[in-house]
């Protein structure tokens, strides 16, 4: 039956839909989630406590002969993981990688901008990324679905850390956070005020990719 789902840390629309046997588009585009769409913009980013309306499953009746064996395939909607890999704020271009998600292993190479894309299970919560360059392997553990929205200071802090900036505790008034903001602003052609304004938030989101 349809119900309201209170998002917890690590949830996204894809994982909530998967848990309820639905496609993420069915949940995200439901009219009852209009306010949520206006607020969050991105179905991959929810804040703990967000209310998500989960509609009923649609029942489909299929007639088949009773004296024969039939096979039915349940459709699923995988999530798409997008990453940009950098070192010293420079892209790790054309680097071979192995991505391990819930026991599934994927192989690929980052593009010229250090980016990779991979379809993964929608309810995956963690992954391991192994980068392979000049015979040397570097491993990074990933938490999936734990990024707060860019409207939250915690979301700004995590994006800056991912982009290679030291933010300290993340308090907007702390010297470390203000310096991280100044460094980011200077690197991206913004006035280096150290203030967290709308233009800086937008540029951080664009640089991070989400």
N, C-alpha and C. Protein backbone atom coordinates (compact mmCIF):
# COMPACT_ATOMS: atom_id res chain seq x y z
N UNK A 1 0.85 -1.19 0.00
CA UNK A 1 0.00 0.00 0.00
C UNK A 1 0.89 1.24 0.00
N UNK A 2 0.37 2.33 -0.55
CA UNK A 2 1.14 3.56 -0.63
C UNK A 2 1.40 4.11 0.77
N UNK A 3 2.53 4.79 0.92
CA UNK A 3 2.91 5.29 2.24
C UNK A 3 3.96 6.37 2.08
N UNK A 4 4.19 7.11 3.17
CA UNK A 4 5.27 8.10 3.22
C UNK A 4 6.49 7.44 3.84
N UNK A 5 7.62 7.65 3.22
CA UNK A 5 8.89 7.06 3.65
C UNK A 5 9.77 8.19 4.18
N UNK A 6 10.24 8.05 5.41
CA UNK A 6 11.13 9.05 6.00
C UNK A 6 12.57 8.67 5.66
N UNK A 7 13.24 9.50 4.87
CA UNK A 7 14.59 9.18 4.40
C UNK A 7 15.57 9.13 5.57
N UNK A 8 16.45 8.15 5.53
CA UNK A 8 17.54 8.05 6.51
C UNK A 8 18.85 8.26 5.78
N UNK A 9 19.93 8.44 6.55
CA UNK A 9 21.23 8.68 5.95
C UNK A 9 21.59 7.52 5.02
N UNK A 10 21.98 7.84 3.80
CA UNK A 10 22.34 6.82 2.82
C UNK A 10 21.23 6.51 1.84
N UNK A 11 20.01 7.01 2.10
CA UNK A 11 18.90 6.78 1.17
C UNK A 11 18.98 7.71 -0.03
N UNK A 12 18.48 7.23 -1.16
CA UNK A 12 18.21 8.07 -2.32
C UNK A 12 16.94 7.54 -2.97
N UNK A 13 16.42 8.23 -3.96
CA UNK A 13 15.17 7.79 -4.58
C UNK A 13 15.32 6.40 -5.17
N UNK A 14 16.48 6.11 -5.78
CA UNK A 14 16.69 4.79 -6.39
C UNK A 14 16.62 3.67 -5.35
N UNK A 15 17.26 3.88 -4.20
CA UNK A 15 17.26 2.82 -3.18
C UNK A 15 15.88 2.65 -2.56
N UNK A 16 15.16 3.75 -2.35
CA UNK A 16 13.81 3.66 -1.79
C UNK A 16 12.88 2.95 -2.76
N UNK A 17 12.97 3.31 -4.04
CA UNK A 17 12.14 2.65 -5.05
C UNK A 17 12.45 1.16 -5.13
N UNK A 18 13.74 0.81 -5.10
CA UNK A 18 14.15 -0.59 -5.17
C UNK A 18 13.59 -1.38 -4.00
N UNK A 19 13.65 -0.81 -2.81
CA UNK A 19 13.15 -1.49 -1.62
C UNK A 19 11.65 -1.77 -1.72
N UNK A 20 10.96 -0.97 -2.52
CA UNK A 20 9.50 -1.10 -2.64
C UNK A 20 9.07 -1.69 -3.98
N UNK A 21 10.02 -2.22 -4.75
CA UNK A 21 9.69 -2.90 -6.00
C UNK A 21 9.23 -1.98 -7.11
N UNK A 22 9.72 -0.73 -7.10
CA UNK A 22 9.29 0.26 -8.09
C UNK A 22 10.49 0.79 -8.86
N UNK A 23 10.22 1.40 -10.01
CA UNK A 23 11.24 2.15 -10.73
C UNK A 23 11.41 3.50 -10.05
N UNK A 24 12.65 4.04 -10.08
CA UNK A 24 12.88 5.31 -9.39
C UNK A 24 12.05 6.42 -10.00
N UNK A 25 11.82 6.37 -11.34
CA UNK A 25 11.03 7.42 -11.99
C UNK A 25 9.59 7.44 -11.46
N UNK A 26 9.05 6.26 -11.13
CA UNK A 26 7.68 6.18 -10.62
C UNK A 26 7.56 6.92 -9.30
N UNK A 27 8.55 6.76 -8.44
CA UNK A 27 8.53 7.44 -7.14
C UNK A 27 8.82 8.93 -7.31
N UNK A 28 9.90 9.25 -8.01
CA UNK A 28 10.34 10.64 -8.14
C UNK A 28 9.29 11.52 -8.81
N UNK A 29 8.61 10.98 -9.82
CA UNK A 29 7.66 11.78 -10.60
C UNK A 29 6.24 11.73 -10.07
N UNK A 30 6.01 11.04 -8.96
CA UNK A 30 4.66 11.03 -8.39
C UNK A 30 4.26 12.45 -7.99
N UNK A 31 3.03 12.86 -8.28
CA UNK A 31 2.59 14.23 -7.95
C UNK A 31 2.76 14.58 -6.47
N UNK A 32 2.68 13.58 -5.59
CA UNK A 32 2.83 13.85 -4.16
C UNK A 32 4.26 14.25 -3.80
N UNK A 33 5.22 14.02 -4.70
CA UNK A 33 6.61 14.38 -4.44
C UNK A 33 7.03 15.66 -5.15
N UNK A 34 6.05 16.44 -5.61
CA UNK A 34 6.36 17.69 -6.30
C UNK A 34 7.17 18.64 -5.42
N UNK A 35 6.78 18.79 -4.18
CA UNK A 35 7.49 19.70 -3.28
C UNK A 35 8.92 19.21 -3.06
N UNK A 36 9.11 17.90 -2.92
CA UNK A 36 10.45 17.33 -2.75
C UNK A 36 11.30 17.59 -3.99
N UNK A 37 10.72 17.41 -5.18
CA UNK A 37 11.46 17.66 -6.42
C UNK A 37 11.90 19.12 -6.51
N UNK A 38 11.01 20.02 -6.13
CA UNK A 38 11.35 21.45 -6.17
C UNK A 38 12.47 21.77 -5.19
N UNK A 39 12.49 21.06 -4.07
CA UNK A 39 13.47 21.34 -3.01
C UNK A 39 14.83 20.74 -3.33
N UNK A 40 14.87 19.49 -3.74
CA UNK A 40 16.14 18.76 -3.89
C UNK A 40 16.70 18.77 -5.31
N UNK A 41 15.85 18.87 -6.30
CA UNK A 41 16.27 18.93 -7.72
C UNK A 41 16.83 17.62 -8.24
N UNK A 42 17.60 16.92 -7.43
CA UNK A 42 18.34 15.73 -7.86
C UNK A 42 17.83 14.51 -7.09
N UNK A 43 17.34 13.46 -7.77
CA UNK A 43 16.81 12.28 -7.06
C UNK A 43 17.88 11.49 -6.32
N UNK A 44 19.15 11.76 -6.61
CA UNK A 44 20.23 11.03 -5.96
C UNK A 44 20.63 11.64 -4.62
N UNK A 45 20.06 12.80 -4.28
CA UNK A 45 20.48 13.50 -3.07
C UNK A 45 19.27 13.82 -2.20
N UNK A 46 19.22 13.19 -1.05
CA UNK A 46 18.19 13.46 -0.06
C UNK A 46 18.84 13.84 1.26
N UNK A 47 18.10 14.56 2.07
CA UNK A 47 18.55 14.89 3.42
C UNK A 47 17.83 13.98 4.39
N UNK A 48 18.55 13.51 5.40
CA UNK A 48 17.92 12.66 6.41
C UNK A 48 16.68 13.37 6.97
N UNK A 49 15.55 12.65 6.95
CA UNK A 49 14.29 13.22 7.42
C UNK A 49 13.37 13.66 6.31
N UNK A 50 13.86 13.75 5.07
CA UNK A 50 12.99 14.09 3.94
C UNK A 50 11.85 13.07 3.84
N UNK A 51 10.67 13.56 3.52
CA UNK A 51 9.50 12.70 3.36
C UNK A 51 9.28 12.38 1.89
N UNK A 52 9.28 11.09 1.57
CA UNK A 52 9.13 10.63 0.19
C UNK A 52 7.86 9.81 0.09
N UNK A 53 6.99 10.16 -0.85
CA UNK A 53 5.76 9.39 -1.05
C UNK A 53 6.06 8.20 -1.94
N UNK A 54 5.69 7.01 -1.47
CA UNK A 54 5.89 5.77 -2.23
C UNK A 54 4.52 5.26 -2.67
N UNK A 55 4.23 5.30 -3.98
CA UNK A 55 2.90 4.88 -4.46
C UNK A 55 2.74 3.37 -4.44
N UNK A 56 1.52 2.94 -4.67
CA UNK A 56 1.21 1.51 -4.75
C UNK A 56 1.88 0.87 -5.95
N UNK A 57 2.18 -0.42 -5.80
CA UNK A 57 2.59 -1.20 -6.96
C UNK A 57 1.40 -1.35 -7.90
N UNK A 58 1.68 -1.33 -9.18
CA UNK A 58 0.62 -1.53 -10.17
C UNK A 58 0.51 -3.01 -10.48
N UNK A 59 -0.67 -3.56 -10.30
CA UNK A 59 -0.87 -4.99 -10.55
C UNK A 59 -1.10 -5.22 -12.03
N UNK A 60 -0.39 -6.21 -12.57
CA UNK A 60 -0.54 -6.55 -13.98
C UNK A 60 -0.96 -8.02 -14.07
N UNK A 61 -2.04 -8.28 -14.80
CA UNK A 61 -2.56 -9.64 -14.95
C UNK A 61 -2.18 -10.16 -16.33
N UNK A 62 -1.53 -11.34 -16.35
CA UNK A 62 -1.09 -11.97 -17.59
C UNK A 62 -1.69 -13.37 -17.67
N UNK A 63 -2.34 -13.69 -18.77
CA UNK A 63 -2.96 -15.00 -18.95
C UNK A 63 -2.00 -15.95 -19.66
N UNK A 64 -1.81 -17.14 -19.09
CA UNK A 64 -0.96 -18.15 -19.69
C UNK A 64 -1.60 -19.53 -19.48
N UNK A 65 -1.27 -20.46 -20.36
CA UNK A 65 -1.79 -21.82 -20.25
C UNK A 65 -1.27 -22.48 -18.97
N UNK A 66 -2.13 -23.24 -18.30
CA UNK A 66 -1.75 -23.82 -17.01
C UNK A 66 -0.92 -25.08 -17.17
N UNK A 67 -0.90 -25.70 -18.35
CA UNK A 67 -0.18 -26.97 -18.53
C UNK A 67 1.18 -26.76 -19.19
N UNK A 68 1.70 -25.54 -19.11
CA UNK A 68 3.00 -25.25 -19.69
C UNK A 68 3.86 -24.51 -18.66
N UNK A 69 5.17 -24.55 -18.88
CA UNK A 69 6.10 -23.81 -18.02
C UNK A 69 6.34 -22.44 -18.62
N UNK A 70 6.31 -21.43 -17.77
CA UNK A 70 6.50 -20.05 -18.24
C UNK A 70 7.60 -19.38 -17.41
N UNK A 71 8.33 -18.52 -18.07
CA UNK A 71 9.40 -17.77 -17.39
C UNK A 71 9.06 -16.29 -17.45
N UNK A 72 9.13 -15.62 -16.30
CA UNK A 72 8.86 -14.19 -16.22
C UNK A 72 10.11 -13.48 -15.73
N UNK A 73 10.44 -12.40 -16.37
CA UNK A 73 11.62 -11.63 -16.00
C UNK A 73 11.18 -10.32 -15.35
N UNK A 74 11.65 -10.08 -14.16
CA UNK A 74 11.32 -8.84 -13.45
C UNK A 74 12.29 -7.75 -13.87
N UNK A 75 11.76 -6.66 -14.37
CA UNK A 75 12.61 -5.56 -14.80
C UNK A 75 13.15 -4.81 -13.58
N UNK A 76 14.35 -4.31 -13.70
CA UNK A 76 14.93 -3.49 -12.64
C UNK A 76 15.53 -2.24 -13.26
N UNK A 77 15.75 -1.26 -12.43
CA UNK A 77 16.30 0.01 -12.91
C UNK A 77 17.58 0.29 -12.14
N UNK A 78 18.75 -0.01 -12.71
CA UNK A 78 20.01 0.20 -11.98
C UNK A 78 20.29 1.68 -11.78
N UNK A 79 21.09 1.97 -10.78
CA UNK A 79 21.55 3.34 -10.56
C UNK A 79 22.84 3.56 -11.35
N UNK A 80 23.13 4.82 -11.64
CA UNK A 80 24.35 5.14 -12.36
C UNK A 80 25.30 5.88 -11.41
N UNK A 81 26.46 5.29 -11.19
CA UNK A 81 27.49 5.91 -10.36
C UNK A 81 28.39 6.75 -11.25
N UNK A 82 28.53 8.03 -10.88
CA UNK A 82 29.42 8.94 -11.61
C UNK A 82 30.49 9.44 -10.65
N UNK A 83 31.75 9.31 -11.06
CA UNK A 83 32.86 9.76 -10.23
C UNK A 83 33.85 10.54 -11.09
N UNK A 84 34.52 11.49 -10.45
CA UNK A 84 35.66 12.16 -11.09
C UNK A 84 36.85 11.95 -10.17
N UNK A 85 37.87 11.32 -10.68
CA UNK A 85 39.04 10.96 -9.89
C UNK A 85 40.15 11.97 -10.15
N UNK A 86 40.68 12.54 -9.05
CA UNK A 86 41.74 13.54 -9.17
C UNK A 86 42.90 13.20 -8.25
N UNK A 87 44.03 13.82 -8.52
CA UNK A 87 45.21 13.75 -7.65
C UNK A 87 45.84 15.13 -7.66
N UNK A 88 45.99 15.73 -6.48
CA UNK A 88 46.49 17.11 -6.38
C UNK A 88 45.66 18.06 -7.22
N UNK A 89 44.33 17.83 -7.18
CA UNK A 89 43.34 18.65 -7.87
C UNK A 89 43.41 18.53 -9.40
N UNK A 90 44.20 17.58 -9.91
CA UNK A 90 44.29 17.34 -11.35
C UNK A 90 43.62 16.01 -11.68
N UNK A 91 42.92 15.93 -12.82
CA UNK A 91 42.21 14.69 -13.15
C UNK A 91 43.14 13.52 -13.39
N UNK A 92 42.73 12.35 -12.91
CA UNK A 92 43.45 11.11 -13.20
C UNK A 92 42.93 10.60 -14.54
N UNK A 93 43.46 11.15 -15.62
CA UNK A 93 42.95 10.85 -16.95
C UNK A 93 43.45 9.50 -17.44
N UNK A 94 42.58 8.80 -18.19
CA UNK A 94 42.94 7.56 -18.88
C UNK A 94 43.62 6.55 -17.94
N UNK A 95 43.05 6.42 -16.75
CA UNK A 95 43.60 5.51 -15.74
C UNK A 95 42.71 4.28 -15.61
N UNK A 96 43.31 3.11 -15.69
CA UNK A 96 42.54 1.87 -15.54
C UNK A 96 42.04 1.74 -14.10
N UNK A 97 40.85 1.19 -13.96
CA UNK A 97 40.29 1.00 -12.63
C UNK A 97 39.51 -0.31 -12.55
N UNK A 98 39.36 -0.77 -11.31
CA UNK A 98 38.47 -1.87 -10.97
C UNK A 98 37.52 -1.35 -9.90
N UNK A 99 36.23 -1.54 -10.11
CA UNK A 99 35.20 -1.09 -9.17
C UNK A 99 34.47 -2.32 -8.64
N UNK A 100 34.44 -2.45 -7.33
CA UNK A 100 33.79 -3.60 -6.70
C UNK A 100 32.59 -3.11 -5.91
N UNK A 101 31.39 -3.57 -6.29
CA UNK A 101 30.15 -3.13 -5.65
C UNK A 101 29.32 -4.37 -5.32
N UNK A 102 29.09 -4.61 -4.03
CA UNK A 102 28.27 -5.75 -3.60
C UNK A 102 28.69 -7.05 -4.27
N UNK A 103 29.99 -7.28 -4.35
CA UNK A 103 30.50 -8.51 -4.93
C UNK A 103 30.61 -8.52 -6.43
N UNK A 104 30.02 -7.52 -7.10
CA UNK A 104 30.15 -7.41 -8.55
C UNK A 104 31.40 -6.61 -8.88
N UNK A 105 32.11 -7.05 -9.90
CA UNK A 105 33.37 -6.41 -10.28
C UNK A 105 33.23 -5.80 -11.67
N UNK A 106 33.59 -4.53 -11.78
CA UNK A 106 33.52 -3.81 -13.05
C UNK A 106 34.92 -3.29 -13.39
N UNK A 107 35.25 -3.30 -14.67
CA UNK A 107 36.55 -2.82 -15.14
C UNK A 107 36.34 -1.69 -16.13
N UNK A 108 37.25 -0.74 -16.14
CA UNK A 108 37.14 0.36 -17.10
C UNK A 108 38.34 1.26 -17.03
N UNK A 109 38.22 2.39 -17.74
CA UNK A 109 39.28 3.40 -17.79
C UNK A 109 38.64 4.77 -17.67
N UNK A 110 39.19 5.64 -16.84
CA UNK A 110 38.66 7.00 -16.73
C UNK A 110 38.86 7.75 -18.05
N UNK A 111 38.03 8.77 -18.28
CA UNK A 111 38.15 9.52 -19.51
C UNK A 111 39.22 10.62 -19.35
N UNK A 112 39.30 11.51 -20.34
CA UNK A 112 40.34 12.54 -20.34
C UNK A 112 40.19 13.52 -19.19
N UNK A 113 38.98 13.57 -18.59
CA UNK A 113 38.76 14.47 -17.46
C UNK A 113 38.74 13.72 -16.14
N UNK A 114 39.18 12.47 -16.16
CA UNK A 114 39.23 11.69 -14.93
C UNK A 114 37.89 11.15 -14.48
N UNK A 115 36.91 11.13 -15.35
CA UNK A 115 35.56 10.71 -14.97
C UNK A 115 35.30 9.26 -15.35
N UNK A 116 34.43 8.62 -14.57
CA UNK A 116 33.97 7.28 -14.89
C UNK A 116 32.48 7.19 -14.58
N UNK A 117 31.79 6.32 -15.32
CA UNK A 117 30.38 6.07 -15.09
C UNK A 117 30.16 4.57 -15.10
N UNK A 118 29.32 4.11 -14.17
CA UNK A 118 29.05 2.68 -14.12
C UNK A 118 27.66 2.44 -13.54
N UNK A 119 26.90 1.55 -14.17
CA UNK A 119 25.61 1.16 -13.62
C UNK A 119 25.85 0.19 -12.46
N UNK A 120 25.17 0.45 -11.33
CA UNK A 120 25.34 -0.36 -10.13
C UNK A 120 23.97 -0.67 -9.54
N UNK A 121 23.87 -1.63 -8.61
CA UNK A 121 22.59 -1.90 -7.95
C UNK A 121 22.08 -0.64 -7.25
N UNK A 122 20.78 -0.36 -7.34
CA UNK A 122 20.25 0.88 -6.78
C UNK A 122 20.31 0.97 -5.26
N UNK A 123 20.43 -0.17 -4.58
CA UNK A 123 20.48 -0.15 -3.12
C UNK A 123 21.90 -0.32 -2.58
N UNK A 124 22.91 -0.19 -3.43
CA UNK A 124 24.30 -0.33 -2.98
C UNK A 124 24.65 0.80 -2.02
N UNK A 125 25.34 0.47 -0.94
CA UNK A 125 25.71 1.46 0.07
C UNK A 125 27.21 1.72 0.13
N UNK A 126 28.00 0.82 -0.44
CA UNK A 126 29.44 0.99 -0.39
C UNK A 126 30.08 0.36 -1.61
N UNK A 127 31.30 0.78 -1.89
CA UNK A 127 32.04 0.25 -3.03
C UNK A 127 33.53 0.42 -2.76
N UNK A 128 34.32 -0.27 -3.55
CA UNK A 128 35.77 -0.14 -3.47
C UNK A 128 36.29 0.17 -4.88
N UNK A 129 37.04 1.24 -4.99
CA UNK A 129 37.63 1.65 -6.26
C UNK A 129 39.12 1.40 -6.22
N UNK A 130 39.62 0.65 -7.18
CA UNK A 130 41.05 0.37 -7.28
C UNK A 130 41.57 1.00 -8.56
N UNK A 131 42.49 1.96 -8.43
CA UNK A 131 43.11 2.62 -9.57
C UNK A 131 44.44 1.96 -9.88
N UNK A 132 44.68 1.73 -11.16
CA UNK A 132 45.89 1.01 -11.58
C UNK A 132 46.68 1.89 -12.55
N UNK A 133 47.88 2.30 -12.13
CA UNK A 133 48.70 3.17 -12.96
C UNK A 133 50.17 2.79 -12.78
N UNK A 134 50.85 2.52 -13.90
CA UNK A 134 52.28 2.15 -13.88
C UNK A 134 52.54 0.97 -12.95
N UNK A 135 51.59 0.03 -12.95
CA UNK A 135 51.76 -1.16 -12.13
C UNK A 135 51.49 -0.98 -10.66
N UNK A 136 51.08 0.23 -10.26
CA UNK A 136 50.80 0.53 -8.86
C UNK A 136 49.28 0.62 -8.65
N UNK A 137 48.77 -0.05 -7.62
CA UNK A 137 47.35 -0.04 -7.31
C UNK A 137 47.08 0.87 -6.11
N UNK A 138 46.08 1.72 -6.24
CA UNK A 138 45.63 2.56 -5.12
C UNK A 138 44.15 2.26 -4.88
N UNK A 139 43.81 2.03 -3.62
CA UNK A 139 42.45 1.62 -3.26
C UNK A 139 41.75 2.71 -2.47
N UNK A 140 40.48 2.96 -2.82
CA UNK A 140 39.67 3.94 -2.12
C UNK A 140 38.31 3.34 -1.80
N UNK A 141 37.93 3.35 -0.52
CA UNK A 141 36.59 2.90 -0.13
C UNK A 141 35.60 4.05 -0.34
N UNK A 142 34.42 3.71 -0.84
CA UNK A 142 33.41 4.71 -1.16
C UNK A 142 32.13 4.44 -0.38
N UNK A 143 31.56 5.48 0.22
CA UNK A 143 30.23 5.42 0.81
C UNK A 143 29.25 5.99 -0.21
N UNK A 144 28.24 5.22 -0.57
CA UNK A 144 27.32 5.62 -1.62
C UNK A 144 26.00 6.11 -1.02
N UNK A 145 25.53 7.26 -1.49
CA UNK A 145 24.26 7.79 -1.04
C UNK A 145 24.33 8.63 0.22
N UNK A 146 25.53 8.95 0.70
CA UNK A 146 25.67 9.67 1.97
C UNK A 146 25.96 11.16 1.79
N UNK A 147 25.83 11.67 0.57
CA UNK A 147 26.11 13.08 0.31
C UNK A 147 24.88 13.93 0.60
N UNK A 148 25.00 14.85 1.56
CA UNK A 148 23.89 15.76 1.84
C UNK A 148 23.74 16.77 0.71
N UNK A 149 22.55 17.39 0.58
CA UNK A 149 22.34 18.39 -0.47
C UNK A 149 23.31 19.56 -0.35
N UNK A 150 23.56 20.25 -1.46
CA UNK A 150 24.48 21.38 -1.49
C UNK A 150 23.96 22.54 -0.65
N UNK A 151 22.67 22.54 -0.33
CA UNK A 151 22.09 23.60 0.50
C UNK A 151 22.55 23.48 1.95
N UNK A 152 23.06 22.30 2.35
CA UNK A 152 23.52 22.07 3.71
C UNK A 152 25.04 22.28 3.79
N UNK A 153 25.50 22.86 4.89
CA UNK A 153 26.94 23.06 5.08
C UNK A 153 27.68 21.73 5.02
N UNK A 154 27.06 20.67 5.56
CA UNK A 154 27.68 19.34 5.52
C UNK A 154 27.87 18.87 4.08
N UNK A 155 26.91 19.21 3.20
CA UNK A 155 27.03 18.85 1.79
C UNK A 155 28.12 19.64 1.10
N UNK A 156 28.26 20.91 1.45
CA UNK A 156 29.34 21.73 0.90
C UNK A 156 30.69 21.17 1.33
N UNK A 157 30.81 20.84 2.62
CA UNK A 157 32.07 20.35 3.16
C UNK A 157 32.52 19.07 2.48
N UNK A 158 31.60 18.09 2.34
CA UNK A 158 31.98 16.82 1.73
C UNK A 158 32.40 16.99 0.27
N UNK A 159 31.73 17.88 -0.45
CA UNK A 159 32.11 18.12 -1.85
C UNK A 159 33.49 18.76 -1.93
N UNK A 160 33.76 19.72 -1.05
CA UNK A 160 35.08 20.34 -1.05
C UNK A 160 36.17 19.33 -0.71
N UNK A 161 35.90 18.46 0.25
CA UNK A 161 36.88 17.42 0.60
C UNK A 161 37.13 16.51 -0.60
N UNK A 162 36.06 16.12 -1.27
CA UNK A 162 36.21 15.26 -2.45
C UNK A 162 37.00 15.95 -3.56
N UNK A 163 36.91 17.28 -3.59
CA UNK A 163 37.64 18.05 -4.60
C UNK A 163 39.08 18.36 -4.18
N UNK A 164 39.46 17.93 -2.97
CA UNK A 164 40.84 18.07 -2.55
C UNK A 164 41.13 19.24 -1.63
N UNK A 165 40.10 19.82 -0.99
CA UNK A 165 40.29 20.96 -0.11
C UNK A 165 40.12 20.54 1.35
N UNK A 166 41.00 21.03 2.21
CA UNK A 166 40.97 20.72 3.64
C UNK A 166 40.03 21.69 4.33
N UNK A 167 38.92 21.14 4.89
CA UNK A 167 37.88 22.00 5.46
C UNK A 167 37.83 21.98 6.97
N UNK A 168 38.69 21.23 7.61
CA UNK A 168 38.60 21.15 9.06
C UNK A 168 37.28 20.53 9.48
N UNK A 169 36.67 21.10 10.50
CA UNK A 169 35.41 20.57 11.04
C UNK A 169 34.21 20.88 10.16
N UNK A 170 34.35 21.84 9.24
CA UNK A 170 33.23 22.21 8.39
C UNK A 170 32.43 23.40 8.90
N UNK A 171 32.76 23.92 10.08
CA UNK A 171 32.10 25.12 10.60
C UNK A 171 32.40 26.28 9.63
N UNK A 172 31.35 26.92 9.05
CA UNK A 172 31.58 27.99 8.08
C UNK A 172 32.45 29.13 8.61
N UNK A 173 32.49 29.30 9.95
CA UNK A 173 33.27 30.39 10.53
C UNK A 173 34.69 29.97 10.91
N UNK A 174 35.01 28.68 10.78
CA UNK A 174 36.34 28.22 11.19
C UNK A 174 37.39 28.68 10.19
N UNK A 175 38.63 28.91 10.64
CA UNK A 175 39.70 29.34 9.72
C UNK A 175 39.94 28.34 8.59
N UNK A 176 39.84 27.02 8.89
CA UNK A 176 40.08 26.00 7.87
C UNK A 176 39.02 26.04 6.76
N UNK A 177 37.76 26.18 7.18
CA UNK A 177 36.67 26.21 6.19
C UNK A 177 36.75 27.48 5.34
N UNK A 178 37.02 28.60 5.98
CA UNK A 178 37.12 29.85 5.23
C UNK A 178 38.30 29.82 4.25
N UNK A 179 39.40 29.20 4.66
CA UNK A 179 40.55 29.09 3.77
C UNK A 179 40.24 28.15 2.60
N UNK A 180 39.54 27.07 2.90
CA UNK A 180 39.15 26.14 1.83
C UNK A 180 38.26 26.84 0.82
N UNK A 181 37.33 27.65 1.31
CA UNK A 181 36.45 28.40 0.41
C UNK A 181 37.24 29.41 -0.41
N UNK A 182 38.18 30.10 0.23
CA UNK A 182 39.01 31.07 -0.50
C UNK A 182 39.83 30.37 -1.59
N UNK A 183 40.40 29.22 -1.23
CA UNK A 183 41.21 28.48 -2.21
C UNK A 183 40.34 28.03 -3.38
N UNK A 184 39.16 27.52 -3.08
CA UNK A 184 38.26 27.07 -4.15
C UNK A 184 37.85 28.25 -5.02
N UNK A 185 37.45 29.33 -4.38
CA UNK A 185 37.02 30.51 -5.13
C UNK A 185 38.14 31.02 -6.04
N UNK A 186 39.35 31.08 -5.52
CA UNK A 186 40.49 31.54 -6.31
C UNK A 186 40.76 30.62 -7.49
N UNK A 187 40.64 29.30 -7.25
CA UNK A 187 40.89 28.32 -8.32
C UNK A 187 39.83 28.37 -9.41
N UNK A 188 38.64 28.90 -9.10
CA UNK A 188 37.54 28.88 -10.06
C UNK A 188 37.08 30.27 -10.48
N UNK A 189 37.95 31.26 -10.32
CA UNK A 189 37.66 32.59 -10.84
C UNK A 189 36.60 33.37 -10.12
N UNK A 190 36.37 33.04 -8.84
CA UNK A 190 35.39 33.77 -8.02
C UNK A 190 36.13 34.69 -7.06
N UNK A 191 35.49 35.76 -6.59
CA UNK A 191 36.11 36.61 -5.57
C UNK A 191 36.46 35.78 -4.33
N UNK A 192 37.71 35.80 -3.92
CA UNK A 192 38.19 34.95 -2.82
C UNK A 192 37.86 35.58 -1.47
N UNK A 193 36.57 35.55 -1.12
CA UNK A 193 36.10 36.16 0.12
C UNK A 193 36.11 35.21 1.30
N UNK A 194 36.09 33.90 1.02
CA UNK A 194 35.95 32.92 2.10
C UNK A 194 34.54 32.80 2.61
N UNK A 195 33.60 33.49 1.94
CA UNK A 195 32.20 33.44 2.34
C UNK A 195 31.47 32.39 1.51
N UNK A 196 30.53 31.67 2.14
CA UNK A 196 29.75 30.66 1.46
C UNK A 196 28.49 31.30 0.89
N UNK A 197 28.55 31.75 -0.36
CA UNK A 197 27.42 32.41 -1.00
C UNK A 197 26.85 31.51 -2.10
N UNK A 198 25.77 31.99 -2.73
CA UNK A 198 25.09 31.18 -3.74
C UNK A 198 25.99 30.87 -4.94
N UNK A 199 26.78 31.84 -5.37
CA UNK A 199 27.66 31.62 -6.53
C UNK A 199 28.69 30.54 -6.22
N UNK A 200 29.20 30.54 -4.99
CA UNK A 200 30.20 29.54 -4.60
C UNK A 200 29.56 28.16 -4.50
N UNK A 201 28.37 28.10 -3.89
CA UNK A 201 27.67 26.81 -3.82
C UNK A 201 27.46 26.23 -5.22
N UNK A 202 26.99 27.08 -6.13
CA UNK A 202 26.71 26.62 -7.49
C UNK A 202 27.98 26.11 -8.18
N UNK A 203 29.08 26.82 -7.98
CA UNK A 203 30.33 26.41 -8.62
C UNK A 203 30.88 25.12 -8.00
N UNK A 204 30.71 24.96 -6.68
CA UNK A 204 31.13 23.73 -6.02
C UNK A 204 30.33 22.54 -6.56
N UNK A 205 29.03 22.73 -6.69
CA UNK A 205 28.18 21.66 -7.22
C UNK A 205 28.57 21.30 -8.65
N UNK A 206 28.84 22.31 -9.46
CA UNK A 206 29.23 22.07 -10.84
C UNK A 206 30.58 21.35 -10.93
N UNK A 207 31.54 21.79 -10.11
CA UNK A 207 32.87 21.16 -10.13
C UNK A 207 32.81 19.72 -9.64
N UNK A 208 31.92 19.47 -8.67
CA UNK A 208 31.81 18.13 -8.10
C UNK A 208 31.04 17.20 -9.00
N UNK A 209 30.09 17.76 -9.77
CA UNK A 209 29.29 16.93 -10.68
C UNK A 209 27.92 16.58 -10.15
N UNK A 210 27.63 16.96 -8.90
CA UNK A 210 26.31 16.72 -8.33
C UNK A 210 26.18 17.52 -7.02
